[in-house]
C-alpha atoms as a PDB file:
ATOM      1  CA  ARG A   1     134.248 -79.701-150.886  1.00  0.00           C
ATOM      2  CA  ILE A   2     133.130 -83.286-150.229  1.00  0.00           C
ATOM      3  CA  GLU A   3     136.730 -84.327-149.458  1.00  0.00           C
ATOM      4  CA  ALA A   4     137.226 -81.288-147.217  1.00  0.00           C
ATOM      5  CA  ALA A   5     134.046 -82.094-145.306  1.00  0.00           C
ATOM      6  CA  ARG A   6     135.396 -85.569-144.581  1.00  0.00           C
ATOM      7  CA  CYS A   7     138.616 -84.199-143.032  1.00  0.00           C
ATOM      8  CA  PRO A   8     138.659 -83.912-139.221  1.00  0.00           C
ATOM      9  CA  ASP A   9     138.628 -80.424-137.728  1.00  0.00           C
ATOM     10  CA  VAL A  10     141.698 -81.127-135.616  1.00  0.00           C
ATOM     11  CA  VAL A  11     144.649 -83.328-136.573  1.00  0.00           C
ATOM     12  CA  VAL A  12     147.235 -84.309-133.958  1.00  0.00           C
ATOM     13  CA  ALA A  13     150.692 -85.364-135.119  1.00  0.00           C
ATOM     14  CA  GLN A  14     152.054 -88.519-133.525  1.00  0.00           C
ATOM     15  CA  ILE A  15     155.500 -87.360-132.366  1.00  0.00           C
ATOM     16  CA  ASP A  16     157.846 -89.456-130.295  1.00  0.00           C
ATOM     17  CA  PRO A  17     159.053 -87.095-127.508  1.00  0.00           C
ATOM     18  CA  LYS A  18     162.134 -89.285-126.937  1.00  0.00           C
ATOM     19  CA  LYS A  19     163.496 -88.285-130.360  1.00  0.00           C
ATOM     20  CA  LEU A  20     162.999 -84.604-129.592  1.00  0.00           C
ATOM     21  CA  ARG A  21     164.527 -84.934-126.145  1.00  0.00           C
ATOM     22  CA  LYS A  22     167.815 -86.129-127.631  1.00  0.00           C
ATOM     23  CA  LYS A  23     168.048 -83.022-129.805  1.00  0.00           C
ATOM     24  CA  GLN A  24     166.839 -80.596-127.154  1.00  0.00           C
ATOM     25  CA  THR A  25     169.114 -77.662-126.422  1.00  0.00           C
ATOM     26  CA  VAL A  26     168.521 -75.588-123.341  1.00  0.00           C
ATOM     27  CA  ASN A  27     170.514 -72.461-124.111  1.00  0.00           C
ATOM     28  CA  ILE A  28     168.036 -69.805-123.103  1.00  0.00           C
ATOM     29  CA  SER A  29     168.901 -66.181-123.635  1.00  0.00           C
ATOM     30  CA  ILE A  30     168.067 -64.016-120.658  1.00  0.00           C
ATOM     31  CA  SER A  31     168.988 -60.698-122.205  1.00  0.00           C
ATOM     32  CA  GLY A  32     167.700 -57.784-120.187  1.00  0.00           C
ATOM     33  CA  CYS A  33     168.793 -59.213-116.849  1.00  0.00           C
ATOM     34  CA  GLN A  34     170.438 -56.771-114.518  1.00  0.00           C
ATOM     35  CA  PRO A  35     174.011 -57.723-113.552  1.00  0.00           C
ATOM     36  CA  ALA A  36     174.502 -58.773-109.945  1.00  0.00           C
ATOM     37  CA  PRO A  37     175.638 -56.011-107.571  1.00  0.00           C
ATOM     38  CA  GLU A  38     179.188 -56.283-106.295  1.00  0.00           C
ATOM     39  CA  GLY A  39     179.487 -59.146-103.834  1.00  0.00           C
ATOM     40  CA  TYR A  40     176.206 -60.792-104.880  1.00  0.00           C
ATOM     41  CA  SER A  41     177.430 -62.766-107.887  1.00  0.00           C
ATOM     42  CA  PRO A  42     177.582 -66.544-107.234  1.00  0.00           C
ATOM     43  CA  THR A  43     180.696 -68.537-108.025  1.00  0.00           C
ATOM     44  CA  LEU A  44     180.832 -70.881-111.004  1.00  0.00           C
ATOM     45  CA  LYS A  45     181.256 -73.858-108.665  1.00  0.00           C
ATOM     46  CA  TRP A  46     178.095 -72.873-106.772  1.00  0.00           C
ATOM     47  CA  GLN A  47     176.158 -72.558-110.021  1.00  0.00           C
ATOM     48  CA  GLN A  48     177.305 -75.951-111.273  1.00  0.00           C
ATOM     49  CA  GLN A  49     176.341 -77.588-107.976  1.00  0.00           C
ATOM     50  CA  GLN A  50     172.865 -76.034-108.015  1.00  0.00           C
ATOM     51  CA  VAL A  51     172.284 -77.132-111.607  1.00  0.00           C
ATOM     52  CA  ALA A  52     173.368 -80.687-110.729  1.00  0.00           C
ATOM     53  CA  ASN A  53     171.023 -80.748-107.726  1.00  0.00           C
ATOM     54  CA  PHE A  54     168.157 -79.387-109.805  1.00  0.00           C
ATOM     55  CA  SER A  55     168.751 -81.955-112.543  1.00  0.00           C
ATOM     56  CA  ALA A  56     168.597 -84.744-109.954  1.00  0.00           C
ATOM     57  CA  VAL A  57     165.316 -83.362-108.599  1.00  0.00           C
ATOM     58  CA  ARG A  58     163.790 -83.228-112.085  1.00  0.00           C
ATOM     59  CA  GLN A  59     164.823 -86.775-112.896  1.00  0.00           C
ATOM     60  CA  SER A  60     163.473 -88.094-109.604  1.00  0.00           C
ATOM     61  CA  LEU A  61     160.196 -86.234-110.095  1.00  0.00           C
ATOM     62  CA  ASN A  62     159.713 -87.617-113.594  1.00  0.00           C
ATOM     63  CA  LYS A  63     160.588 -91.132-112.454  1.00  0.00           C
ATOM     64  CA  HIS A  64     158.197 -91.201-109.506  1.00  0.00           C
ATOM     65  CA  ARG A  65     155.440 -88.919-110.808  1.00  0.00           C
ATOM     66  CA  SER A  66     152.863 -91.700-111.168  1.00  0.00           C
ATOM     67  CA  HIS A  67     153.579 -92.915-107.619  1.00  0.00           C
ATOM     68  CA  TRP A  68     153.099 -89.501-106.036  1.00  0.00           C
ATOM     69  CA  ARG A  69     150.017 -88.828-108.145  1.00  0.00           C
ATOM     70  CA  SER A  70     148.393 -91.891-106.619  1.00  0.00           C
ATOM     71  CA  GLN A  71     148.926 -90.662-103.051  1.00  0.00           C
ATOM     72  CA  HIS A  72     145.854 -89.371-101.257  1.00  0.00           C
ATOM     73  CA  LEU A  73     145.582 -85.664-100.588  1.00  0.00           C
ATOM     74  CA  ASP A  74     144.503 -84.362 -97.202  1.00  0.00           C
ATOM     75  CA  SER A  75     140.868 -83.363 -96.988  1.00  0.00           C
ATOM     76  CA  ASN A  76     141.794 -79.682 -96.704  1.00  0.00           C
ATOM     77  CA  VAL A  77     143.678 -79.648-100.031  1.00  0.00           C
ATOM     78  CA  ASN A  78     141.339 -78.267-102.670  1.00  0.00           C
ATOM     79  CA  MET A  79     143.330 -77.501-105.806  1.00  0.00           C
ATOM     80  CA  PRO A  80     141.802 -74.595-107.770  1.00  0.00           C
ATOM     81  CA  LYS A  81     140.589 -74.916-111.337  1.00  0.00           C
ATOM     82  CA  LEU A  82     143.049 -74.114-114.133  1.00  0.00           C
ATOM     83  CA  GLU A  83     141.591 -70.700-114.951  1.00  0.00           C
ATOM     84  CA  ASP A  84     141.216 -69.572-111.319  1.00  0.00           C
ATOM     85  CA  GLU A  85     144.176 -67.150-111.127  1.00  0.00           C
ATOM     86  CA  GLU A  86     143.286 -65.645-107.752  1.00  0.00           C
ATOM     87  CA  GLY A  87     142.526 -69.074-106.338  1.00  0.00           C
ATOM     88  CA  TRP A  88     145.988 -70.358-107.281  1.00  0.00           C
ATOM     89  CA  LYS A  89     147.695 -67.307-105.791  1.00  0.00           C
ATOM     90  CA  LYS A  90     145.912 -67.880-102.494  1.00  0.00           C
ATOM     91  CA  PHE A  91     146.574 -71.629-102.667  1.00  0.00           C
ATOM     92  CA  CYS A  92     150.334 -71.222-103.213  1.00  0.00           C
ATOM     93  CA  LEU A  93     151.031 -68.100-101.176  1.00  0.00           C
ATOM     94  CA  GLY A  94     148.372 -68.249 -98.480  1.00  0.00           C
ATOM     95  CA  GLU A  95     146.009 -65.550 -97.309  1.00  0.00           C
ATOM     96  CA  ARG A  96     148.730 -63.913 -95.221  1.00  0.00           C
ATOM     97  CA  VAL A  97     150.970 -63.123 -98.205  1.00  0.00           C
ATOM     98  CA  TYR A  98     148.043 -62.650-100.606  1.00  0.00           C
ATOM     99  CA  SER A  99     146.425 -60.077 -98.319  1.00  0.00           C
ATOM    100  CA  GLU A 100     149.858 -58.654 -97.386  1.00  0.00           C
ATOM    101  CA  ILE A 101     149.408 -59.225 -93.657  1.00  0.00           C
ATOM    102  CA  GLU A 102     152.772 -58.631 -91.997  1.00  0.00           C
ATOM    103  CA  SER A 103     152.535 -61.255 -89.245  1.00  0.00           C
ATOM    104  CA  LEU A 104     150.248 -63.816 -87.661  1.00  0.00           C
ATOM    105  CA  SER A 105     148.747 -63.376 -84.216  1.00  0.00           C
ATOM    106  CA  ASP A 106     150.008 -65.476 -81.307  1.00  0.00           C
ATOM    107  CA  ASN A 107     146.931 -67.721 -81.453  1.00  0.00           C
ATOM    108  CA  GLU A 108     147.458 -68.429 -85.137  1.00  0.00           C
ATOM    109  CA  ASN A 109     151.075 -69.424 -84.528  1.00  0.00           C
ATOM    110  CA  LEU A 110     149.985 -72.402 -82.441  1.00  0.00           C
ATOM    111  CA  GLY A 111     149.272 -74.544 -85.482  1.00  0.00           C
ATOM    112  CA  ILE A 112     149.752 -74.571 -89.244  1.00  0.00           C
ATOM    113  CA  ASP A 113     146.758 -73.320 -91.185  1.00  0.00           C
ATOM    114  CA  TYR A 114     147.672 -73.850 -94.827  1.00  0.00           C
ATOM    115  CA  MET A 115     144.851 -71.600 -95.950  1.00  0.00           C
ATOM    116  CA  LYS A 116     146.689 -68.766 -94.207  1.00  0.00           C
ATOM    117  CA  VAL A 117     150.320 -69.677 -94.932  1.00  0.00           C
ATOM    118  CA  GLY A 118     149.825 -71.370 -98.303  1.00  0.00           C
ATOM    119  CA  PHE A 119     150.236 -74.977 -99.369  1.00  0.00           C
ATOM    120  CA  PRO A 120     153.834 -76.033-100.020  1.00  0.00           C
ATOM    121  CA  PRO A 121     154.553 -77.628-103.425  1.00  0.00           C
ATOM    122  CA  LEU A 122     154.243 -81.160-102.108  1.00  0.00           C
ATOM    123  CA  LEU A 123     155.019 -83.962-104.556  1.00  0.00           C
ATOM    124  CA  SER A 124     151.490 -85.275-104.150  1.00  0.00           C
ATOM    125  CA  ILE A 125     150.233 -81.862-105.339  1.00  0.00           C
ATOM    126  CA  VAL A 126     152.609 -80.958-108.191  1.00  0.00           C
ATOM    127  CA  SER A 127     152.482 -84.515-109.589  1.00  0.00           C
ATOM    128  CA  ARG A 128     148.767 -83.990-110.255  1.00  0.00           C
ATOM    129  CA  MET A 129     149.439 -80.869-112.337  1.00  0.00           C
ATOM    130  CA  ASN A 130     149.632 -81.379-116.099  1.00  0.00           C
ATOM    131  CA  GLN A 131     151.806 -79.124-118.260  1.00  0.00           C
ATOM    132  CA  ALA A 132     148.988 -76.685-118.967  1.00  0.00           C
ATOM    133  CA  THR A 133     148.406 -76.243-115.232  1.00  0.00           C
ATOM    134  CA  VAL A 134     152.125 -75.929-114.484  1.00  0.00           C
ATOM    135  CA  THR A 135     152.513 -73.224-117.136  1.00  0.00           C
ATOM    136  CA  SER A 136     149.395 -71.347-116.033  1.00  0.00           C
ATOM    137  CA  VAL A 137     150.309 -71.371-112.329  1.00  0.00           C
ATOM    138  CA  LEU A 138     153.842 -70.268-113.195  1.00  0.00           C
ATOM    139  CA  GLU A 139     152.386 -67.383-115.179  1.00  0.00           C
ATOM    140  CA  TYR A 140     150.026 -66.407-112.334  1.00  0.00           C
ATOM    141  CA  LEU A 141     152.876 -66.290-109.822  1.00  0.00           C
ATOM    142  CA  ILE A 142     155.179 -64.375-112.172  1.00  0.00           C
ATOM    143  CA  ILE A 143     152.449 -61.770-112.671  1.00  0.00           C
ATOM    144  CA  TRP A 144     152.139 -61.524-108.888  1.00  0.00           C
ATOM    145  CA  PHE A 145     155.922 -61.246-108.498  1.00  0.00           C
ATOM    146  CA  GLY A 146     155.986 -58.445-111.058  1.00  0.00           C
ATOM    147  CA  GLU A 147     154.242 -56.157-108.585  1.00  0.00           C
ATOM    148  CA  LYS A 148     155.039 -57.690-105.192  1.00  0.00           C
ATOM    149  CA  LYS A 149     158.102 -58.514-103.129  1.00  0.00           C
ATOM    150  CA  PHE A 150     159.912 -61.831-103.176  1.00  0.00           C
ATOM    151  CA  THR A 151     158.886 -64.279-100.445  1.00  0.00           C
ATOM    152  CA  PRO A 152     160.004 -67.792 -99.432  1.00  0.00           C
ATOM    153  CA  GLU A 153     156.585 -69.092-100.532  1.00  0.00           C
ATOM    154  CA  LEU A 154     157.185 -67.750-104.033  1.00  0.00           C
ATOM    155  CA  GLY A 155     160.679 -69.186-104.144  1.00  0.00           C
ATOM    156  CA  ARG A 156     159.540 -72.687-103.201  1.00  0.00           C
ATOM    157  CA  TRP A 157     156.824 -72.710-105.848  1.00  0.00           C
ATOM    158  CA  PHE A 158     159.052 -71.269-108.568  1.00  0.00           C
ATOM    159  CA  TYR A 159     161.625 -73.999-107.956  1.00  0.00           C
ATOM    160  CA  ALA A 160     158.977 -76.741-107.964  1.00  0.00           C
ATOM    161  CA  LEU A 161     157.242 -75.483-111.099  1.00  0.00           C
ATOM    162  CA  LEU A 162     160.533 -75.141-112.977  1.00  0.00           C
ATOM    163  CA  ALA A 163     161.296 -78.751-112.022  1.00  0.00           C
ATOM    164  CA  CYS A 164     157.882 -79.821-113.356  1.00  0.00           C
ATOM    165  CA  LEU A 165     158.365 -78.288-116.803  1.00  0.00           C
ATOM    166  CA  GLU A 166     158.860 -81.044-119.347  1.00  0.00           C
ATOM    167  CA  LYS A 167     161.213 -80.920-122.328  1.00  0.00           C
ATOM    168  CA  PRO A 168     161.014 -79.859-125.065  1.00  0.00           C
ATOM    169  CA  LEU A 169     159.846 -76.572-123.579  1.00  0.00           C
ATOM    170  CA  LEU A 170     156.904 -74.871-125.211  1.00  0.00           C
ATOM    171  CA  PRO A 171     157.454 -71.321-126.554  1.00  0.00           C
ATOM    172  CA  GLU A 172     155.250 -69.817-123.825  1.00  0.00           C
ATOM    173  CA  ALA A 173     157.314 -71.612-121.178  1.00  0.00           C
ATOM    174  CA  HIS A 174     160.512 -70.145-122.665  1.00  0.00           C
ATOM    175  CA  SER A 175     158.998 -66.675-122.505  1.00  0.00           C
ATOM    176  CA  LEU A 176     157.776 -67.104-118.938  1.00  0.00           C
ATOM    177  CA  ILE A 177     161.053 -68.301-117.459  1.00  0.00           C
ATOM    178  CA  ARG A 178     162.980 -65.515-119.225  1.00  0.00           C
ATOM    179  CA  GLN A 179     160.518 -63.059-117.709  1.00  0.00           C
ATOM    180  CA  LEU A 180     161.042 -64.668-114.315  1.00  0.00           C
ATOM    181  CA  ALA A 181     164.833 -64.377-114.549  1.00  0.00           C
ATOM    182  CA  ARG A 182     164.615 -60.705-115.535  1.00  0.00           C
ATOM    183  CA  ARG A 183     162.334 -59.926-112.610  1.00  0.00           C
ATOM    184  CA  CYS A 184     164.660 -61.744-110.191  1.00  0.00           C
ATOM    185  CA  SER A 185     167.597 -59.690-111.449  1.00  0.00           C
ATOM    186  CA  GLU A 186     165.615 -56.477-110.966  1.00  0.00           C
ATOM    187  CA  VAL A 187     164.698 -57.375-107.386  1.00  0.00           C
ATOM    188  CA  ARG A 188     168.298 -58.374-106.669  1.00  0.00           C
ATOM    189  CA  VAL A 189     169.458 -54.883-107.662  1.00  0.00           C
ATOM    190  CA  LEU A 190     166.612 -52.735-106.339  1.00  0.00           C
ATOM    191  CA  GLU A 191     165.666 -54.439-103.079  1.00  0.00           C
ATOM    192  CA  GLU A 192     167.004 -52.369-100.194  1.00  0.00           C
ATOM    193  CA  ASN A 193     166.692 -54.947 -97.411  1.00  0.00           C
ATOM    194  CA  LYS A 194     168.701 -57.740 -99.021  1.00  0.00           C
ATOM    195  CA  THR A 195     169.429 -60.820 -96.953  1.00  0.00           C
ATOM    196  CA  GLU A 196     171.832 -63.614 -97.753  1.00  0.00           C
ATOM    197  CA  GLU A 197     168.946 -66.081 -98.072  1.00  0.00           C
ATOM    198  CA  GLN A 198     167.015 -63.832-100.425  1.00  0.00           C
ATOM    199  CA  VAL A 199     169.998 -63.117-102.681  1.00  0.00           C
ATOM    200  CA  SER A 200     170.841 -66.830-102.814  1.00  0.00           C
ATOM    201  CA  ALA A 201     167.249 -67.668-103.761  1.00  0.00           C
ATOM    202  CA  LEU A 202     167.184 -65.057-106.523  1.00  0.00           C
ATOM    203  CA  ASN A 203     170.587 -66.179-107.806  1.00  0.00           C
ATOM    204  CA  LEU A 204     169.362 -69.771-107.820  1.00  0.00           C
ATOM    205  CA  ILE A 205     166.367 -69.024-110.042  1.00  0.00           C
ATOM    206  CA  ILE A 206     168.441 -66.921-112.450  1.00  0.00           C
ATOM    207  CA  CYS A 207     171.080 -69.668-112.592  1.00  0.00           C
ATOM    208  CA  LEU A 208     168.558 -72.433-113.348  1.00  0.00           C
ATOM    209  CA  VAL A 209     166.877 -70.430-116.102  1.00  0.00           C
ATOM    210  CA  SER A 210     170.134 -69.399-117.769  1.00  0.00           C
ATOM    211  CA  ARG A 211     171.594 -72.906-117.700  1.00  0.00           C
END
């Protein structure tokens, strides 16, 4: 009992992430995804190009993360707290999408109000997000996407958050991105008003998760 009382409550293993990174495999099963409708399946060349572009983005982000983190944020950028799910949805998507307002009035179109249209995933913003925040915000947006339609705002943030995930991926991150890919495949099949941009965006997310 005396020895047990002397032991710390929490013990953290000192693991070199570089050793794990060399052994990391990124073969993620996305079973349950709906196959692409006829004419909507991307070519292998397109997929390989998107993966190469995404890999370059991730490497650049990791290399320059400390630089972008040091950049000053505009005074109107107030990042929500980690546990503020509704706050993050409004921050990323804007009040227009969050409140499901179809269009802005003519007066509102005169200038960009990020509170209404949502903050884009600027490097100065995402570089300040640690892995817990990245995972939580990804989860919040996937929950939103599970009940709402796909929007360009969602697509931009999904791409940025996927790029911010660090390897080796945590189990919850694996689960989240599989869930995201399945939802994208469902929307790709069920959405009646498909556009070329929307299908390409959905294909892109599915491709990045699967590869």
